[in-house]
Amino acid sequence: MELTYTKVGDYYIPNLVLDEPEKFYGKYGNLRREYIREHRPTLWASLVNSGRLDDHLTTIELLAERRMDKMLPQMMEAAGVTEELKARDQMAWVGLVNNCKTRVEEIIFAELIFI
């Protein structure tokens, strides 16, 4: 590829074209991409060669986000995370919320990401 220039005043500015930036999928899509690239090379090659990698990673991201949005409130309710607890003992509330989020993420990882 030959580099061309455009004259602007007394200066020549190179005509640079950037490659298409890597698509951002979010936390779960990126985790899935890294997992299949490192641990499932046949699936990786199949998705890349067929042009379905973007669709696959976008689908995983959406499914994981929906699962988190649905399961986290249920898990928090079962663990007794309430606004009353938040007002009374903020550190306990934060600990319970983080614990619930971690448990939901473990489920998401096992069911969607690391399979």
N, C-alpha and C. Protein backbone atom coordinates (compact mmCIF):
# COMPACT_ATOMS: atom_id res chain seq x y z
N MET A 1 0.85 -1.17 0.00
CA MET A 1 0.00 0.00 0.00
C MET A 1 0.89 1.23 0.00
N GLU A 2 0.63 2.12 -0.91
CA GLU A 2 1.44 3.32 -1.05
C GLU A 2 0.86 4.43 -0.19
N LEU A 3 1.74 5.13 0.51
CA LEU A 3 1.32 6.24 1.36
C LEU A 3 1.19 7.49 0.50
N THR A 4 0.04 8.16 0.60
CA THR A 4 -0.20 9.38 -0.17
C THR A 4 -0.32 10.56 0.79
N TYR A 5 -0.16 11.76 0.23
CA TYR A 5 -0.16 12.97 1.06
C TYR A 5 -1.11 14.00 0.46
N THR A 6 -1.62 14.87 1.32
CA THR A 6 -2.42 16.01 0.90
C THR A 6 -1.71 17.26 1.36
N LYS A 7 -1.57 18.23 0.44
CA LYS A 7 -0.89 19.47 0.79
C LYS A 7 -1.89 20.41 1.45
N VAL A 8 -1.53 20.86 2.66
CA VAL A 8 -2.34 21.80 3.41
C VAL A 8 -1.44 22.98 3.74
N GLY A 9 -1.63 24.08 3.02
CA GLY A 9 -0.73 25.22 3.19
C GLY A 9 0.65 24.83 2.71
N ASP A 10 1.63 24.98 3.57
CA ASP A 10 3.01 24.62 3.23
C ASP A 10 3.38 23.21 3.69
N TYR A 11 2.42 22.47 4.24
CA TYR A 11 2.70 21.16 4.81
C TYR A 11 2.03 20.05 4.02
N TYR A 12 2.66 18.88 4.03
CA TYR A 12 2.06 17.69 3.46
C TYR A 12 1.61 16.79 4.61
N ILE A 13 0.33 16.48 4.62
CA ILE A 13 -0.26 15.65 5.67
C ILE A 13 -0.51 14.26 5.08
N PRO A 14 -0.05 13.18 5.75
CA PRO A 14 -0.29 11.84 5.20
C PRO A 14 -1.78 11.48 5.27
N ASN A 15 -2.26 10.82 4.24
CA ASN A 15 -3.64 10.33 4.19
C ASN A 15 -3.68 8.97 4.87
N LEU A 16 -3.99 8.98 6.14
CA LEU A 16 -4.00 7.75 6.91
C LEU A 16 -5.42 7.26 7.09
N VAL A 17 -5.60 5.97 6.93
CA VAL A 17 -6.89 5.34 7.14
C VAL A 17 -6.70 4.30 8.23
N LEU A 18 -7.44 4.43 9.30
CA LEU A 18 -7.35 3.48 10.40
C LEU A 18 -8.11 2.22 10.09
N ASP A 19 -7.57 1.10 10.53
CA ASP A 19 -8.31 -0.15 10.40
C ASP A 19 -9.55 -0.06 11.27
N GLU A 20 -10.50 -0.92 10.97
CA GLU A 20 -11.73 -0.95 11.78
C GLU A 20 -11.36 -1.30 13.22
N PRO A 21 -11.81 -0.50 14.18
CA PRO A 21 -11.45 -0.79 15.57
C PRO A 21 -12.08 -2.10 16.04
N GLU A 22 -11.42 -2.71 16.99
CA GLU A 22 -11.94 -3.94 17.56
C GLU A 22 -13.25 -3.64 18.27
N LYS A 23 -14.24 -4.46 18.03
CA LYS A 23 -15.55 -4.23 18.60
C LYS A 23 -15.53 -4.49 20.10
N PHE A 24 -16.24 -3.67 20.84
CA PHE A 24 -16.33 -3.83 22.29
C PHE A 24 -17.58 -4.63 22.62
N TYR A 25 -17.41 -5.71 23.36
CA TYR A 25 -18.53 -6.58 23.68
C TYR A 25 -18.98 -6.45 25.12
N GLY A 26 -18.19 -5.90 25.96
CA GLY A 26 -18.51 -5.87 27.38
C GLY A 26 -17.76 -6.97 28.10
N LYS A 27 -17.95 -7.01 29.39
CA LYS A 27 -17.21 -7.94 30.24
C LYS A 27 -17.41 -9.40 29.84
N TYR A 28 -18.65 -9.81 29.68
CA TYR A 28 -18.93 -11.22 29.42
C TYR A 28 -18.56 -11.64 28.00
N GLY A 29 -18.79 -10.77 27.02
CA GLY A 29 -18.38 -11.07 25.66
C GLY A 29 -16.87 -11.21 25.53
N ASN A 30 -16.15 -10.32 26.21
CA ASN A 30 -14.69 -10.39 26.17
C ASN A 30 -14.16 -11.63 26.88
N LEU A 31 -14.77 -11.99 28.01
CA LEU A 31 -14.36 -13.22 28.71
C LEU A 31 -14.60 -14.44 27.83
N ARG A 32 -15.74 -14.47 27.14
CA ARG A 32 -16.06 -15.59 26.26
C ARG A 32 -15.06 -15.65 25.10
N ARG A 33 -14.74 -14.48 24.52
CA ARG A 33 -13.79 -14.45 23.41
C ARG A 33 -12.44 -15.01 23.83
N GLU A 34 -11.95 -14.57 24.97
CA GLU A 34 -10.65 -15.05 25.45
C GLU A 34 -10.70 -16.55 25.75
N TYR A 35 -11.79 -17.01 26.33
CA TYR A 35 -11.90 -18.43 26.66
C TYR A 35 -11.89 -19.29 25.40
N ILE A 36 -12.72 -18.95 24.42
CA ILE A 36 -12.75 -19.82 23.23
C ILE A 36 -11.48 -19.71 22.41
N ARG A 37 -10.83 -18.54 22.44
CA ARG A 37 -9.57 -18.41 21.70
C ARG A 37 -8.48 -19.29 22.33
N GLU A 38 -8.45 -19.36 23.66
CA GLU A 38 -7.40 -20.11 24.35
C GLU A 38 -7.73 -21.59 24.55
N HIS A 39 -9.00 -21.92 24.78
CA HIS A 39 -9.35 -23.29 25.20
C HIS A 39 -10.20 -24.06 24.20
N ARG A 40 -10.77 -23.38 23.22
CA ARG A 40 -11.62 -24.06 22.24
C ARG A 40 -11.21 -23.63 20.82
N PRO A 41 -10.00 -23.98 20.39
CA PRO A 41 -9.49 -23.46 19.12
C PRO A 41 -10.33 -23.87 17.91
N THR A 42 -10.94 -25.03 17.94
CA THR A 42 -11.77 -25.45 16.81
C THR A 42 -13.01 -24.57 16.69
N LEU A 43 -13.67 -24.31 17.82
CA LEU A 43 -14.82 -23.42 17.82
C LEU A 43 -14.41 -22.01 17.40
N TRP A 44 -13.27 -21.54 17.91
CA TRP A 44 -12.75 -20.22 17.55
C TRP A 44 -12.57 -20.11 16.03
N ALA A 45 -11.90 -21.09 15.45
CA ALA A 45 -11.64 -21.07 14.01
C ALA A 45 -12.94 -21.11 13.22
N SER A 46 -13.88 -21.93 13.67
CA SER A 46 -15.16 -22.04 12.99
C SER A 46 -15.92 -20.71 13.01
N LEU A 47 -15.96 -20.06 14.17
CA LEU A 47 -16.68 -18.78 14.29
C LEU A 47 -16.00 -17.68 13.49
N VAL A 48 -14.67 -17.64 13.54
CA VAL A 48 -13.94 -16.60 12.80
C VAL A 48 -14.09 -16.81 11.30
N ASN A 49 -13.90 -18.04 10.83
CA ASN A 49 -13.95 -18.32 9.40
C ASN A 49 -15.34 -18.16 8.81
N SER A 50 -16.37 -18.39 9.61
CA SER A 50 -17.74 -18.25 9.11
C SER A 50 -18.27 -16.82 9.26
N GLY A 51 -17.52 -15.97 9.96
CA GLY A 51 -17.97 -14.61 10.18
C GLY A 51 -19.04 -14.48 11.25
N ARG A 52 -19.18 -15.49 12.10
CA ARG A 52 -20.22 -15.48 13.13
C ARG A 52 -19.69 -15.11 14.51
N LEU A 53 -18.42 -14.77 14.63
CA LEU A 53 -17.84 -14.47 15.93
C LEU A 53 -18.52 -13.27 16.58
N ASP A 54 -18.71 -12.19 15.83
CA ASP A 54 -19.36 -11.00 16.39
C ASP A 54 -20.75 -11.31 16.91
N ASP A 55 -21.53 -12.04 16.12
CA ASP A 55 -22.89 -12.40 16.56
C ASP A 55 -22.86 -13.26 17.81
N HIS A 56 -21.93 -14.22 17.85
CA HIS A 56 -21.82 -15.11 19.00
C HIS A 56 -21.49 -14.33 20.27
N LEU A 57 -20.49 -13.46 20.19
CA LEU A 57 -20.07 -12.71 21.37
C LEU A 57 -21.13 -11.70 21.81
N THR A 58 -21.79 -11.08 20.87
CA THR A 58 -22.88 -10.15 21.20
C THR A 58 -24.02 -10.89 21.88
N THR A 59 -24.35 -12.07 21.39
CA THR A 59 -25.41 -12.88 21.99
C THR A 59 -25.05 -13.28 23.41
N ILE A 60 -23.81 -13.72 23.62
CA ILE A 60 -23.37 -14.11 24.95
C ILE A 60 -23.44 -12.92 25.90
N GLU A 61 -23.00 -11.76 25.45
CA GLU A 61 -23.05 -10.55 26.29
C GLU A 61 -24.49 -10.22 26.69
N LEU A 62 -25.40 -10.25 25.73
CA LEU A 62 -26.80 -9.94 26.04
C LEU A 62 -27.42 -10.96 26.97
N LEU A 63 -27.17 -12.23 26.73
CA LEU A 63 -27.71 -13.28 27.60
C LEU A 63 -27.18 -13.15 29.02
N ALA A 64 -25.89 -12.88 29.15
CA ALA A 64 -25.29 -12.76 30.48
C ALA A 64 -25.85 -11.54 31.22
N GLU A 65 -25.99 -10.43 30.52
CA GLU A 65 -26.54 -9.24 31.17
C GLU A 65 -27.98 -9.47 31.62
N ARG A 66 -28.76 -10.12 30.77
CA ARG A 66 -30.16 -10.42 31.15
C ARG A 66 -30.21 -11.36 32.35
N ARG A 67 -29.34 -12.36 32.34
CA ARG A 67 -29.30 -13.31 33.45
C ARG A 67 -28.93 -12.58 34.74
N MET A 68 -27.95 -11.68 34.68
CA MET A 68 -27.54 -10.91 35.85
C MET A 68 -28.70 -10.03 36.33
N ASP A 69 -29.35 -9.33 35.40
CA ASP A 69 -30.46 -8.45 35.77
C ASP A 69 -31.63 -9.20 36.40
N LYS A 70 -31.82 -10.44 35.99
CA LYS A 70 -32.94 -11.24 36.53
C LYS A 70 -32.56 -11.91 37.85
N MET A 71 -31.36 -12.49 37.91
CA MET A 71 -30.99 -13.30 39.07
C MET A 71 -30.52 -12.48 40.27
N LEU A 72 -29.85 -11.36 40.03
CA LEU A 72 -29.30 -10.59 41.14
C LEU A 72 -30.37 -10.12 42.12
N PRO A 73 -31.47 -9.53 41.66
CA PRO A 73 -32.51 -9.13 42.64
C PRO A 73 -33.09 -10.32 43.41
N GLN A 74 -33.25 -11.43 42.73
CA GLN A 74 -33.76 -12.63 43.41
C GLN A 74 -32.78 -13.13 44.46
N MET A 75 -31.50 -13.13 44.12
CA MET A 75 -30.47 -13.58 45.04
C MET A 75 -30.37 -12.63 46.24
N MET A 76 -30.47 -11.33 45.97
CA MET A 76 -30.41 -10.34 47.05
C MET A 76 -31.60 -10.48 47.99
N GLU A 77 -32.77 -10.72 47.44
CA GLU A 77 -33.96 -10.91 48.28
C GLU A 77 -33.81 -12.13 49.15
N ALA A 78 -33.32 -13.22 48.57
CA ALA A 78 -33.14 -14.46 49.33
C ALA A 78 -32.09 -14.30 50.43
N ALA A 79 -31.09 -13.43 50.20
CA ALA A 79 -30.02 -13.23 51.18
C ALA A 79 -30.41 -12.21 52.25
N GLY A 80 -31.55 -11.56 52.08
CA GLY A 80 -31.99 -10.59 53.08
C GLY A 80 -31.40 -9.21 52.91
N VAL A 81 -31.04 -8.86 51.68
CA VAL A 81 -30.52 -7.52 51.40
C VAL A 81 -31.70 -6.57 51.29
N THR A 82 -31.83 -5.65 52.22
CA THR A 82 -32.95 -4.72 52.25
C THR A 82 -32.45 -3.29 52.42
N GLU A 83 -33.32 -2.36 52.15
CA GLU A 83 -33.00 -0.95 52.38
C GLU A 83 -32.84 -0.68 53.87
N GLU A 84 -33.59 -1.39 54.68
CA GLU A 84 -33.48 -1.25 56.14
C GLU A 84 -32.08 -1.65 56.60
N LEU A 85 -31.57 -2.77 56.05
CA LEU A 85 -30.21 -3.21 56.38
C LEU A 85 -29.18 -2.18 55.90
N LYS A 86 -29.41 -1.61 54.73
CA LYS A 86 -28.50 -0.61 54.19
C LYS A 86 -28.42 0.61 55.12
N ALA A 87 -29.57 1.03 55.65
CA ALA A 87 -29.60 2.19 56.55
C ALA A 87 -28.97 1.86 57.90
N ARG A 88 -29.15 0.62 58.36
CA ARG A 88 -28.67 0.22 59.68
C ARG A 88 -27.19 -0.14 59.68
N ASP A 89 -26.76 -0.94 58.69
CA ASP A 89 -25.38 -1.43 58.67
C ASP A 89 -24.89 -1.48 57.23
N GLN A 90 -24.32 -0.37 56.77
CA GLN A 90 -23.92 -0.25 55.38
C GLN A 90 -22.86 -1.27 54.97
N MET A 91 -21.90 -1.54 55.83
CA MET A 91 -20.84 -2.50 55.49
C MET A 91 -21.41 -3.91 55.30
N ALA A 92 -22.33 -4.31 56.14
CA ALA A 92 -22.95 -5.62 55.99
C ALA A 92 -23.74 -5.67 54.68
N TRP A 93 -24.42 -4.58 54.37
CA TRP A 93 -25.21 -4.51 53.14
C TRP A 93 -24.30 -4.65 51.92
N VAL A 94 -23.19 -3.91 51.89
CA VAL A 94 -22.25 -3.98 50.78
C VAL A 94 -21.67 -5.39 50.65
N GLY A 95 -21.33 -5.99 51.79
CA GLY A 95 -20.80 -7.35 51.76
C GLY A 95 -21.79 -8.34 51.18
N LEU A 96 -23.06 -8.23 51.56
CA LEU A 96 -24.09 -9.14 51.03
C LEU A 96 -24.32 -8.91 49.55
N VAL A 97 -24.36 -7.65 49.12
CA VAL A 97 -24.57 -7.36 47.70
C VAL A 97 -23.41 -7.91 46.87
N ASN A 98 -22.19 -7.69 47.33
CA ASN A 98 -21.02 -8.22 46.60
C ASN A 98 -21.03 -9.74 46.56
N ASN A 99 -21.43 -10.37 47.66
CA ASN A 99 -21.51 -11.81 47.71
C ASN A 99 -22.54 -12.32 46.71
N CYS A 100 -23.69 -11.68 46.66
CA CYS A 100 -24.74 -12.09 45.72
C CYS A 100 -24.28 -11.92 44.28
N LYS A 101 -23.63 -10.80 44.00
CA LYS A 101 -23.15 -10.56 42.63
C LYS A 101 -22.12 -11.61 42.23
N THR A 102 -21.22 -11.94 43.14
CA THR A 102 -20.21 -12.96 42.85
C THR A 102 -20.85 -14.31 42.58
N ARG A 103 -21.85 -14.67 43.38
CA ARG A 103 -22.53 -15.95 43.18
C ARG A 103 -23.26 -16.00 41.84
N VAL A 104 -23.92 -14.90 41.47
CA VAL A 104 -24.60 -14.87 40.17
C VAL A 104 -23.58 -14.95 39.03
N GLU A 105 -22.47 -14.25 39.17
CA GLU A 105 -21.44 -14.32 38.12
C GLU A 105 -20.87 -15.72 37.99
N GLU A 106 -20.70 -16.43 39.09
CA GLU A 106 -20.22 -17.81 39.01
C GLU A 106 -21.19 -18.67 38.21
N ILE A 107 -22.48 -18.45 38.39
CA ILE A 107 -23.49 -19.20 37.63
C ILE A 107 -23.39 -18.83 36.15
N ILE A 108 -23.27 -17.54 35.86
CA ILE A 108 -23.16 -17.09 34.47
C ILE A 108 -21.91 -17.67 33.82
N PHE A 109 -20.80 -17.65 34.53
CA PHE A 109 -19.56 -18.20 33.99
C PHE A 109 -19.73 -19.68 33.66
N ALA A 110 -20.35 -20.42 34.57
CA ALA A 110 -20.50 -21.86 34.38
C ALA A 110 -21.48 -22.19 33.25
N GLU A 111 -22.52 -21.38 33.09
CA GLU A 111 -23.57 -21.71 32.11
C GLU A 111 -23.36 -21.08 30.74
N LEU A 112 -22.66 -19.94 30.67
CA LEU A 112 -22.55 -19.23 29.39
C LEU A 112 -21.13 -19.00 28.89
N ILE A 113 -20.21 -18.74 29.79
CA ILE A 113 -18.90 -18.29 29.36
C ILE A 113 -17.92 -19.44 29.18
N PHE A 114 -17.73 -20.22 30.20
CA PHE A 114 -16.68 -21.25 30.21
C PHE A 114 -17.25 -22.63 29.88
N ILE A 115 -17.92 -22.72 28.74
CA ILE A 115 -18.45 -24.02 28.28
C ILE A 115 -17.90 -24.34 26.91
